[in-house]
Amino acid sequence: MFINENCETSPIKLITTDQISTRDIPAFCIRAGHDLKSVSDGPPYEFIINLVKT
């Protein structure tokens, strides 16, 4: 799934096993203007993201 302005589903749940994603996903949300609601301790890491349309 690609996150773009045409995405109809929000919030989304993103599940990863990569520990670096705990740094990368929050940084992406800040740059893209999305609202990171929660991050679970993992692995697996679960992110809940509210997509903000621009």
N, C-alpha and C. Protein backbone atom coordinates (compact mmCIF):
# COMPACT_ATOMS: atom_id res chain seq x y z
N MET A 1 0.83 -1.17 0.00
CA MET A 1 0.00 0.00 0.00
C MET A 1 0.88 1.23 0.00
N PHE A 2 0.52 2.19 -0.81
CA PHE A 2 1.20 3.46 -0.85
C PHE A 2 0.37 4.49 -0.10
N ILE A 3 1.02 5.36 0.63
CA ILE A 3 0.32 6.44 1.31
C ILE A 3 0.38 7.65 0.40
N ASN A 4 -0.77 8.12 -0.02
CA ASN A 4 -0.82 9.32 -0.86
C ASN A 4 -2.10 10.07 -0.63
N GLU A 5 -2.26 11.16 -1.33
CA GLU A 5 -3.43 12.01 -1.11
C GLU A 5 -4.74 11.34 -1.51
N ASN A 6 -4.71 10.24 -2.24
CA ASN A 6 -5.92 9.55 -2.66
C ASN A 6 -6.34 8.43 -1.69
N CYS A 7 -5.57 8.23 -0.64
CA CYS A 7 -5.88 7.18 0.33
C CYS A 7 -7.16 7.52 1.08
N GLU A 8 -8.12 6.64 1.05
CA GLU A 8 -9.43 6.87 1.67
C GLU A 8 -9.51 6.39 3.11
N THR A 9 -8.57 5.54 3.52
CA THR A 9 -8.64 4.94 4.85
C THR A 9 -7.76 5.70 5.83
N SER A 10 -8.36 6.17 6.91
CA SER A 10 -7.60 6.82 7.97
C SER A 10 -8.39 6.61 9.27
N PRO A 11 -7.79 6.19 10.35
CA PRO A 11 -6.36 5.96 10.47
C PRO A 11 -5.92 4.65 9.80
N ILE A 12 -4.61 4.55 9.60
CA ILE A 12 -4.07 3.30 9.08
C ILE A 12 -3.24 2.64 10.18
N LYS A 13 -3.09 1.33 10.07
CA LYS A 13 -2.23 0.56 10.97
C LYS A 13 -1.07 0.05 10.13
N LEU A 14 0.13 0.37 10.57
CA LEU A 14 1.35 -0.08 9.90
C LEU A 14 2.08 -1.00 10.86
N ILE A 15 2.41 -2.21 10.42
CA ILE A 15 3.10 -3.19 11.26
C ILE A 15 4.45 -3.50 10.63
N THR A 16 5.51 -3.37 11.43
CA THR A 16 6.86 -3.65 10.94
C THR A 16 7.60 -4.52 11.96
N THR A 17 8.69 -5.10 11.51
CA THR A 17 9.57 -5.85 12.42
C THR A 17 10.93 -5.18 12.54
N ASP A 18 11.15 -4.12 11.78
CA ASP A 18 12.43 -3.42 11.74
C ASP A 18 12.50 -2.38 12.87
N GLN A 19 13.46 -2.52 13.76
CA GLN A 19 13.59 -1.62 14.90
C GLN A 19 13.83 -0.18 14.44
N ILE A 20 14.50 0.02 13.31
CA ILE A 20 14.77 1.36 12.81
C ILE A 20 13.47 2.09 12.44
N SER A 21 12.40 1.33 12.17
CA SER A 21 11.13 1.97 11.83
C SER A 21 10.61 2.83 12.99
N THR A 22 11.04 2.54 14.22
CA THR A 22 10.60 3.35 15.36
C THR A 22 11.20 4.76 15.29
N ARG A 23 12.24 4.93 14.52
CA ARG A 23 12.81 6.25 14.26
C ARG A 23 12.29 6.82 12.95
N ASP A 24 12.23 5.98 11.92
CA ASP A 24 11.89 6.44 10.57
C ASP A 24 10.42 6.83 10.41
N ILE A 25 9.51 6.05 10.95
CA ILE A 25 8.08 6.32 10.75
C ILE A 25 7.67 7.62 11.43
N PRO A 26 8.06 7.89 12.69
CA PRO A 26 7.73 9.19 13.27
C PRO A 26 8.32 10.36 12.47
N ALA A 27 9.54 10.21 11.98
CA ALA A 27 10.15 11.27 11.18
C ALA A 27 9.37 11.49 9.89
N PHE A 28 8.95 10.41 9.26
CA PHE A 28 8.13 10.52 8.04
C PHE A 28 6.83 11.26 8.33
N CYS A 29 6.18 10.91 9.44
CA CYS A 29 4.91 11.55 9.79
C CYS A 29 5.09 13.05 9.99
N ILE A 30 6.16 13.45 10.63
CA ILE A 30 6.43 14.88 10.83
C ILE A 30 6.62 15.57 9.48
N ARG A 31 7.45 15.00 8.61
CA ARG A 31 7.72 15.61 7.30
C ARG A 31 6.47 15.67 6.43
N ALA A 32 5.65 14.63 6.49
CA ALA A 32 4.46 14.55 5.63
C ALA A 32 3.25 15.25 6.25
N GLY A 33 3.33 15.59 7.53
CA GLY A 33 2.22 16.26 8.19
C GLY A 33 1.15 15.32 8.70
N HIS A 34 1.46 14.02 8.79
CA HIS A 34 0.50 13.05 9.31
C HIS A 34 0.58 13.01 10.84
N ASP A 35 -0.47 12.54 11.47
CA ASP A 35 -0.58 12.50 12.93
C ASP A 35 -0.33 11.08 13.43
N LEU A 36 0.83 10.85 14.03
CA LEU A 36 1.16 9.55 14.60
C LEU A 36 0.47 9.43 15.95
N LYS A 37 -0.52 8.54 16.04
CA LYS A 37 -1.33 8.40 17.25
C LYS A 37 -0.69 7.48 18.28
N SER A 38 -0.10 6.37 17.82
CA SER A 38 0.50 5.45 18.79
C SER A 38 1.54 4.57 18.13
N VAL A 39 2.45 4.09 18.97
CA VAL A 39 3.49 3.14 18.56
C VAL A 39 3.56 2.09 19.65
N SER A 40 3.47 0.83 19.26
CA SER A 40 3.55 -0.24 20.26
C SER A 40 5.00 -0.67 20.45
N ASP A 41 5.28 -1.22 21.63
CA ASP A 41 6.59 -1.84 21.86
C ASP A 41 6.61 -3.12 21.06
N GLY A 42 7.69 -3.44 20.46
CA GLY A 42 7.74 -4.61 19.62
C GLY A 42 9.02 -5.37 19.85
N PRO A 43 9.41 -6.18 18.91
CA PRO A 43 8.73 -6.42 17.63
C PRO A 43 7.55 -7.37 17.76
N PRO A 44 6.61 -7.35 16.87
CA PRO A 44 6.47 -6.37 15.79
C PRO A 44 6.04 -5.02 16.35
N TYR A 45 6.39 -3.98 15.60
CA TYR A 45 6.04 -2.61 15.96
C TYR A 45 4.76 -2.24 15.21
N GLU A 46 3.82 -1.67 15.94
CA GLU A 46 2.54 -1.30 15.33
C GLU A 46 2.36 0.21 15.47
N PHE A 47 2.12 0.86 14.34
CA PHE A 47 1.94 2.31 14.31
C PHE A 47 0.51 2.59 13.90
N ILE A 48 -0.15 3.51 14.58
CA ILE A 48 -1.48 3.99 14.17
C ILE A 48 -1.26 5.43 13.71
N ILE A 49 -1.63 5.69 12.46
CA ILE A 49 -1.37 6.98 11.83
C ILE A 49 -2.66 7.55 11.26
N ASN A 50 -2.99 8.76 11.67
CA ASN A 50 -4.08 9.50 11.04
C ASN A 50 -3.50 10.25 9.85
N LEU A 51 -3.99 9.96 8.68
CA LEU A 51 -3.51 10.63 7.48
C LEU A 51 -4.15 12.01 7.37
N VAL A 52 -3.34 13.00 7.11
CA VAL A 52 -3.82 14.36 6.95
C VAL A 52 -3.71 14.70 5.46
N LYS A 53 -4.85 15.00 4.86
CA LYS A 53 -4.85 15.36 3.44
C LYS A 53 -4.43 16.80 3.29
N THR A 54 -3.61 17.03 2.27
CA THR A 54 -3.15 18.40 2.03
C THR A 54 -3.86 19.01 0.85
